[in-house]
Protein backbone atom coordinates (compact mmCIF):
# COMPACT_ATOMS: atom_id res chain seq x y z
CA MET A 1 0.00 0.00 0.00
CA GLU A 2 1.22 3.50 -0.87
CA LEU A 3 0.17 6.56 1.14
CA VAL A 4 0.09 9.52 -1.25
CA TYR A 5 0.23 13.07 0.10
CA LEU A 6 -1.32 15.51 -2.39
CA CYS A 7 0.48 18.85 -2.26
CA HIS A 8 0.09 22.21 -3.97
CA PRO A 9 2.94 22.98 -6.41
CA ILE A 10 4.06 26.22 -4.77
CA LYS A 11 7.53 27.51 -5.66
CA LYS A 12 7.86 30.15 -2.92
CA ALA A 13 8.77 29.25 0.65
CA VAL A 14 5.59 28.14 2.41
CA GLY A 15 5.79 26.40 5.79
CA GLY A 16 2.84 24.11 5.10
CA VAL A 17 4.57 22.58 2.08
CA LYS A 18 7.69 21.90 4.13
CA VAL A 19 5.57 20.22 6.81
CA ILE A 20 3.93 17.92 4.25
CA TYR A 21 7.28 16.92 2.76
CA ARG A 22 8.94 16.32 6.11
CA GLN A 23 6.07 14.26 7.48
CA ALA A 24 5.70 12.28 4.24
CA GLN A 25 9.42 11.49 4.46
CA LEU A 26 9.05 10.39 8.07
CA VAL A 27 5.97 8.29 7.27
CA ASN A 28 7.81 6.66 4.37
CA GLN A 29 10.57 5.61 6.76
CA LEU A 30 8.06 4.27 9.29
CA LEU A 31 6.12 2.36 6.64
CA ARG A 32 9.12 0.45 5.31
CA SER A 33 9.07 -1.86 8.30
CA ARG A 34 5.36 -2.49 7.61
CA GLY A 35 5.89 -3.29 3.93
CA HIS A 36 4.33 -0.05 2.67
CA SER A 37 5.54 3.33 1.37
CA ALA A 38 4.64 7.03 1.18
CA SER A 39 5.13 9.72 -1.45
CA VAL A 40 4.21 13.30 -2.33
CA MET A 41 2.20 14.04 -5.46
CA HIS A 42 1.91 17.39 -7.24
CA PRO A 43 -1.10 16.92 -9.55
CA ASN A 44 -1.09 18.22 -13.12
CA THR A 45 2.58 19.21 -13.23
CA TRP A 46 5.39 17.86 -15.43
CA THR A 47 8.63 18.93 -13.76
CA PHE A 48 7.74 20.82 -10.57
CA LYS A 49 10.34 20.50 -7.80
CA VAL A 50 10.61 22.17 -4.41
CA ARG A 51 14.05 23.77 -4.26
CA TRP A 52 14.18 25.79 -1.05
CA PHE A 53 14.67 22.81 1.29
CA GLU A 54 16.04 19.30 0.96
CA SER A 55 13.91 16.16 1.10
CA GLN A 56 14.33 12.46 0.33
CA VAL A 57 10.65 11.57 -0.03
CA PRO A 58 9.61 10.10 -3.43
CA VAL A 59 7.77 12.66 -5.56
CA LYS A 60 5.04 11.73 -8.07
CA HIS A 61 3.47 13.78 -10.86
CA GLY A 62 -0.08 12.58 -11.41
CA PHE A 63 -2.36 13.93 -14.12
CA PHE A 64 -6.04 14.23 -13.38
CA LYS A 65 -8.78 14.54 -15.96
CA TRP A 66 -10.29 17.95 -16.45
CA ARG A 67 -14.04 18.26 -16.30
CA TRP A 68 -13.77 21.01 -18.86
CA VAL A 69 -10.91 22.91 -20.45
CA GLY A 70 -9.42 25.67 -18.32
CA LYS A 71 -10.69 24.32 -15.01
CA PRO A 72 -8.02 22.08 -13.48
CA SER A 73 -9.55 22.89 -10.10
CA ARG A 74 -12.52 20.84 -11.31
CA SER A 75 -10.35 17.89 -12.31
CA ARG A 76 -11.55 14.33 -11.92
CA ILE A 77 -9.43 11.56 -10.46
CA ASP A 78 -11.22 8.54 -11.91
CA GLY A 79 -8.69 5.74 -12.34
CA CYS A 80 -5.83 7.67 -10.74
CA PHE A 81 -5.96 5.74 -7.47
CA ASP A 82 -6.65 2.09 -6.73
CA PRO A 83 -8.38 1.32 -3.39
CA GLN A 84 -6.31 -1.87 -3.18
CA ARG A 85 -3.01 -0.04 -3.64
CA HIS A 86 -3.41 3.56 -2.51
CA MET A 87 -4.42 5.72 0.41
CA VAL A 88 -4.48 9.51 0.04
CA VAL A 89 -3.83 12.49 2.31
CA LEU A 90 -5.65 15.63 1.12
CA PRO A 91 -4.73 19.18 2.13
CA GLU A 92 -7.79 20.89 3.55
CA LEU A 93 -8.09 23.20 0.53
CA TRP A 94 -8.57 20.18 -1.74
CA ALA A 95 -11.15 18.38 0.40
CA ARG A 96 -13.84 20.11 -1.68
CA LYS A 97 -12.31 18.92 -4.97
CA TYR A 98 -11.32 15.35 -4.27
CA GLY A 99 -12.86 14.17 -0.99
CA ASP A 100 -16.23 13.12 -2.41
CA GLN A 101 -14.54 11.56 -5.45
CA LEU A 102 -12.24 9.43 -3.29
CA ALA A 103 -15.23 8.37 -1.21
CA CYS A 104 -17.10 7.26 -4.34
CA MET A 105 -14.01 5.36 -5.50
CA LYS A 106 -13.74 3.75 -2.03
CA VAL A 107 -10.12 4.94 -1.74
CA PRO A 108 -9.27 5.41 1.96
CA PHE A 109 -8.19 8.97 2.65
CA ALA A 110 -7.33 11.47 5.35
CA ILE A 111 -7.71 15.24 5.35
CA TYR A 112 -4.80 17.29 6.67
CA VAL A 113 -6.01 20.58 8.16
CA GLN A 114 -3.04 22.91 8.48
CA ASN A 115 -5.32 25.93 8.59
CA GLY A 116 -8.70 25.64 10.28
CA TYR A 117 -9.84 28.86 8.60
CA TYR A 118 -9.56 27.40 5.09
CA ILE A 119 -12.02 24.56 5.64
CA SER A 120 -15.04 26.69 4.68
CA LYS A 121 -14.05 26.89 1.00
CA GLY A 122 -16.44 24.85 -1.15
CA ARG A 123 -20.09 23.76 -1.25
CA ALA A 124 -21.38 22.69 2.15
CA GLU A 125 -22.77 19.35 0.96
CA VAL A 126 -19.48 18.41 -0.75
CA LEU A 127 -17.44 19.38 2.30
CA ASN A 128 -19.77 17.46 4.61
CA GLU A 129 -19.36 14.34 2.47
CA ALA A 130 -15.57 14.71 2.42
CA TYR A 131 -15.16 15.11 6.18
CA ARG A 132 -17.80 12.46 6.93
CA SER A 133 -15.98 9.95 4.69
CA ALA A 134 -12.39 10.65 5.81
CA ARG A 135 -10.82 7.84 7.79
CA CYS A 136 -8.78 10.37 9.76
CA ILE A 137 -8.66 14.17 10.03
CA LEU A 138 -5.20 15.43 10.89
CA THR A 139 -4.98 18.85 12.51
CA ILE A 140 -1.82 20.88 13.03
CA SER A 141 -2.88 22.62 16.25
CA ASP A 142 -5.46 22.68 19.02
CA ASP A 143 -7.04 25.68 17.30
CA ALA A 144 -7.39 23.74 14.03
CA SER A 145 -8.99 20.85 15.94
CA ARG A 146 -11.49 23.26 17.44
CA CYS A 147 -12.35 24.65 13.99
CA VAL A 148 -12.97 21.19 12.52
CA ALA A 149 -15.08 20.03 15.46
CA MET A 150 -17.20 23.18 15.23
CA ALA A 151 -17.64 23.01 11.46
CA PHE A 152 -18.28 19.26 11.15
CA PRO A 153 -20.10 17.84 14.20
CA GLY A 154 -19.66 14.11 14.56
CA THR A 155 -16.06 14.05 13.36
CA GLU A 156 -14.49 14.54 16.79
CA SER A 157 -13.49 10.88 17.23
CA ARG A 158 -11.52 10.95 13.96
CA ILE A 159 -9.60 14.17 14.65
CA LEU A 160 -5.91 13.59 15.38
CA ARG A 161 -3.86 16.58 16.42
CA VAL A 162 -0.29 16.15 15.15
CA HIS A 163 2.85 18.17 15.75
CA TYR A 164 5.39 19.20 13.18
CA SER A 165 9.03 19.31 14.23
CA VAL A 166 11.60 22.08 13.95
CA ASP A 167 15.27 21.26 13.49
CA ALA A 168 16.75 22.58 16.74
CA SER A 169 20.26 21.98 15.41
CA ARG A 170 19.54 24.57 12.72
CA PHE A 171 17.17 26.96 14.50
CA ASN A 172 18.95 27.71 17.78
CA PRO A 173 20.23 30.72 19.75
CA LEU A 174 23.91 29.76 19.69
CA GLN A 175 25.21 32.42 17.26
CA PRO A 176 26.17 36.03 18.17
CA LYS A 177 23.26 38.44 17.85
CA GLU A 178 23.16 41.66 15.85
CA ASN A 179 20.80 44.63 16.06
CA LEU A 180 18.48 43.19 13.44
CA ILE A 181 14.69 43.11 13.23
CA THR A 182 13.37 40.47 10.82
CA TYR A 183 9.98 39.69 9.32
CA MET A 184 8.36 37.78 6.45
CA PRO A 185 7.31 40.36 3.82
CA ARG A 186 4.85 37.97 2.11
CA LYS A 187 2.70 37.88 5.26
CA LEU A 188 0.05 40.63 5.43
CA VAL A 189 1.97 43.01 3.19
CA ASP A 190 -0.30 45.97 3.94
CA HIS A 191 0.16 45.54 7.69
CA SER A 192 3.93 45.12 7.57
CA SER A 193 4.38 48.13 5.27
CA LYS A 194 2.39 50.29 7.68
CA VAL A 195 4.41 49.13 10.68
CA LEU A 196 7.63 49.95 8.80
CA PHE A 197 6.18 53.37 7.93
CA PHE A 198 5.55 54.14 11.60
CA LEU A 199 9.00 52.88 12.59
CA ARG A 200 10.93 54.86 10.00
CA ASN A 201 11.52 58.10 11.97
CA HIS A 202 12.03 56.46 15.36
CA LEU A 203 14.22 53.39 14.96
CA PRO A 204 17.79 54.10 16.18
CA ALA A 205 20.41 54.22 13.44
CA HIS A 206 22.29 51.24 14.89
CA TRP A 207 19.27 48.99 14.27
CA ARG A 208 18.20 47.57 10.88
CA VAL A 209 15.01 45.95 9.62
CA VAL A 210 15.75 43.03 7.28
CA PRO A 211 13.03 41.17 5.32
CA ILE A 212 13.34 37.39 5.08
CA ASP A 213 12.78 36.88 1.40
CA GLY A 214 14.21 34.71 -1.38
CA LEU A 215 16.23 32.54 1.01
CA ASN A 216 16.40 28.78 1.31
CA GLU A 217 15.94 27.09 4.67
CA THR A 218 19.63 27.45 5.56
CA GLY A 219 19.59 31.16 4.75
CA VAL A 220 16.46 31.72 6.84
CA ALA A 221 18.02 29.94 9.81
CA GLU A 222 21.25 31.93 9.57
CA LEU A 223 19.38 35.24 9.48
CA LEU A 224 17.12 34.32 12.39
CA GLN A 225 20.15 33.28 14.42
CA ARG A 226 21.62 36.76 13.96
CA SER A 227 18.45 38.81 14.56
CA LYS A 228 17.14 39.91 17.94
CA ILE A 229 13.52 40.77 17.17
CA PHE A 230 11.10 39.01 14.83
CA MET A 231 7.87 40.73 13.76
CA SER A 232 5.03 38.24 13.30
CA PHE A 233 2.32 39.08 10.79
CA SER A 234 0.48 35.76 10.98
CA HIS A 235 -3.13 35.93 9.82
CA PHE A 236 -5.65 33.14 10.48
CA GLU A 237 -3.08 30.34 10.53
CA GLY A 238 -3.17 26.83 11.92
CA CYS A 239 0.19 26.80 13.69
CA PRO A 240 2.50 29.37 12.06
CA LEU A 241 6.04 28.14 11.60
CA PRO A 242 8.13 31.36 11.20
CA PRO A 243 7.42 32.79 14.70
CA LEU A 244 8.32 29.44 16.25
CA GLU A 245 11.54 29.15 14.25
CA ALA A 246 12.38 32.72 15.26
CA ALA A 247 11.77 31.98 18.94
CA LEU A 248 13.91 28.84 18.83
CA SER A 249 16.65 30.99 17.27
CA GLY A 250 16.57 33.26 20.31
CA ASN A 251 14.47 36.12 18.95
CA GLN A 252 12.02 38.20 20.88
CA VAL A 253 8.84 37.74 18.83
CA ILE A 254 6.34 40.60 18.62
CA GLY A 255 3.08 40.59 16.71
CA TYR A 256 0.05 38.54 15.73
CA THR A 257 -0.63 34.97 16.83
CA GLY A 258 -2.79 34.12 13.81
CA GLN A 259 -4.90 32.29 16.46
CA GLY A 260 -3.01 29.01 15.97
CA ALA A 261 0.21 30.24 17.62
CA LYS A 262 -1.53 30.92 20.92
CA GLU A 263 -0.62 27.43 22.11
CA TYR A 264 3.12 28.18 22.03
CA TRP A 265 2.99 31.93 22.78
CA ALA A 266 5.18 31.82 25.94
CA PRO A 267 5.34 35.26 27.63
CA GLU A 268 9.12 35.14 28.09
CA VAL A 269 9.68 35.05 24.34
CA PHE A 270 6.48 36.31 22.68
CA GLU A 271 4.53 39.56 22.91
CA GLU A 272 1.09 39.64 21.32
CA VAL A 273 -0.32 42.59 19.38
CA GLU A 274 -3.99 42.77 18.46
CA SER A 275 -4.32 42.08 14.75
CA GLY A 276 -4.60 45.33 12.81
CA ASP A 277 -3.26 47.62 15.54
CA VAL A 278 -0.22 48.64 13.52
CA VAL A 279 0.58 51.75 15.56
CA THR A 280 0.77 49.73 18.78
CA PHE A 281 2.78 47.13 16.86
CA ALA A 282 5.40 49.71 15.91
CA GLN A 283 5.46 51.13 19.46
CA ARG A 284 5.98 47.66 20.98
CA VAL A 285 8.95 47.11 18.68
CA LEU A 286 10.44 50.47 19.67
CA ASN A 287 9.87 49.69 23.36
CA LYS A 288 11.67 46.37 22.96
CA VAL A 289 14.57 48.06 21.16
CA GLN A 290 14.93 50.52 24.02
CA VAL A 291 14.87 47.76 26.64
CA LEU A 292 17.47 45.72 24.77
CA ASP A 293 19.72 48.75 24.26
CA GLU A 294 19.73 49.34 28.02
CA MET A 295 20.78 45.77 28.82
CA ASP A 296 24.37 44.60 29.21
CA HIS A 297 23.71 41.50 27.14
CA PHE A 298 20.94 40.08 24.99
CA PRO A 299 18.74 37.75 27.06
CA ILE A 300 18.26 34.14 25.97
CA TYR A 301 15.38 32.41 27.75
CA ALA A 302 16.80 28.91 27.58
CA GLU A 303 14.07 27.20 29.61
CA ALA A 304 11.27 28.53 27.40
CA ILE A 305 13.22 27.68 24.24
CA GLU A 306 13.94 24.15 25.44
CA LYS A 307 10.25 23.63 26.19
CA LEU A 308 9.33 24.75 22.67
CA ALA A 309 12.00 22.48 21.18
CA SER A 310 10.66 19.53 23.17
CA THR A 311 7.05 20.14 22.14
CA TYR A 312 7.94 20.47 18.44
CA SER A 313 10.58 17.74 18.41
CA PRO A 314 11.21 14.87 15.96
CA ASP A 315 10.32 12.37 18.71
CA HIS A 316 6.93 13.99 19.31
CA GLU A 317 6.24 14.19 15.58
CA SER A 318 7.27 10.56 15.08
CA GLN A 319 4.91 9.36 17.80
CA ASP A 320 2.05 11.33 16.22
CA MET A 321 2.78 9.80 12.81
CA LYS A 322 2.77 6.29 14.28
CA THR A 323 -0.66 6.97 15.77
CA PHE A 324 -1.82 8.29 12.38
CA LEU A 325 -0.67 5.13 10.60
CA ASP A 326 -2.50 3.00 13.13
CA LEU A 327 -5.70 4.95 12.51
CA MET A 328 -5.24 4.52 8.75
CA ARG A 329 -4.75 0.77 9.43
CA LEU A 330 -1.36 0.67 7.77
């Protein structure tokens, strides 16, 4: 049996894609001892390849039938999967497209909810059928679990909250810090540009704001290791990865939780700003800069960081994946 993770072919750095690849790779390793395998499939692509991080998971390029020309989002998957040979993991955004089709084909499948605020996309009756038919519903956070349980009553017993892992050997606070403030410019561009506008006449000259853009995973880690403050512009996210990676790298994180980050928002490391309050956001950053400038050394809250690393560890992720495979009867 092959467990196939369907994944969007996104070229830019997106944490959810990295999570799918890493967990598919882990599941593939776990399944070998059970005589099975796992892979990632990017539907309707010829040569797509993720290039901003490394992975050893097998990658497939399946081609689905279009219901009509110009509408690949309406593609049909008749004959693409065999219920005797395949199981499928759907991202929540594709539950509306493929969940009911897999159910009709009697192909066992799971839905992976990495963002509980995306599950409303699609016709209600199609979504209900997809979530009712899924053998397992993976959720990336407690907040995502709450969203699924609220939206689809009766699915609670099939919800499995799973943790992703962060490489603590790469994202750690062991490098010398510089007076850098980092942020992800692709997140809530309007909000981040306004915060930068309000900072422009107040930030001391010995501090710099550096966007994290166009870097591979190694480059992101190196920059976060050098920066002192990370500005979080998370918006309605399941369990945002950048603020966590920043915290593990020793940053003081200021900004939005995106709801999903509330579970790891430790007060020693994180400072929440109400979403949309960009003036307060800028003032909190300036306040933190002033506090840090008055200190003899940059503070590293080792206990809080170690707790985060333990919660989002490879061991924790591996145990979650073993539970998932048991639920899928693999």
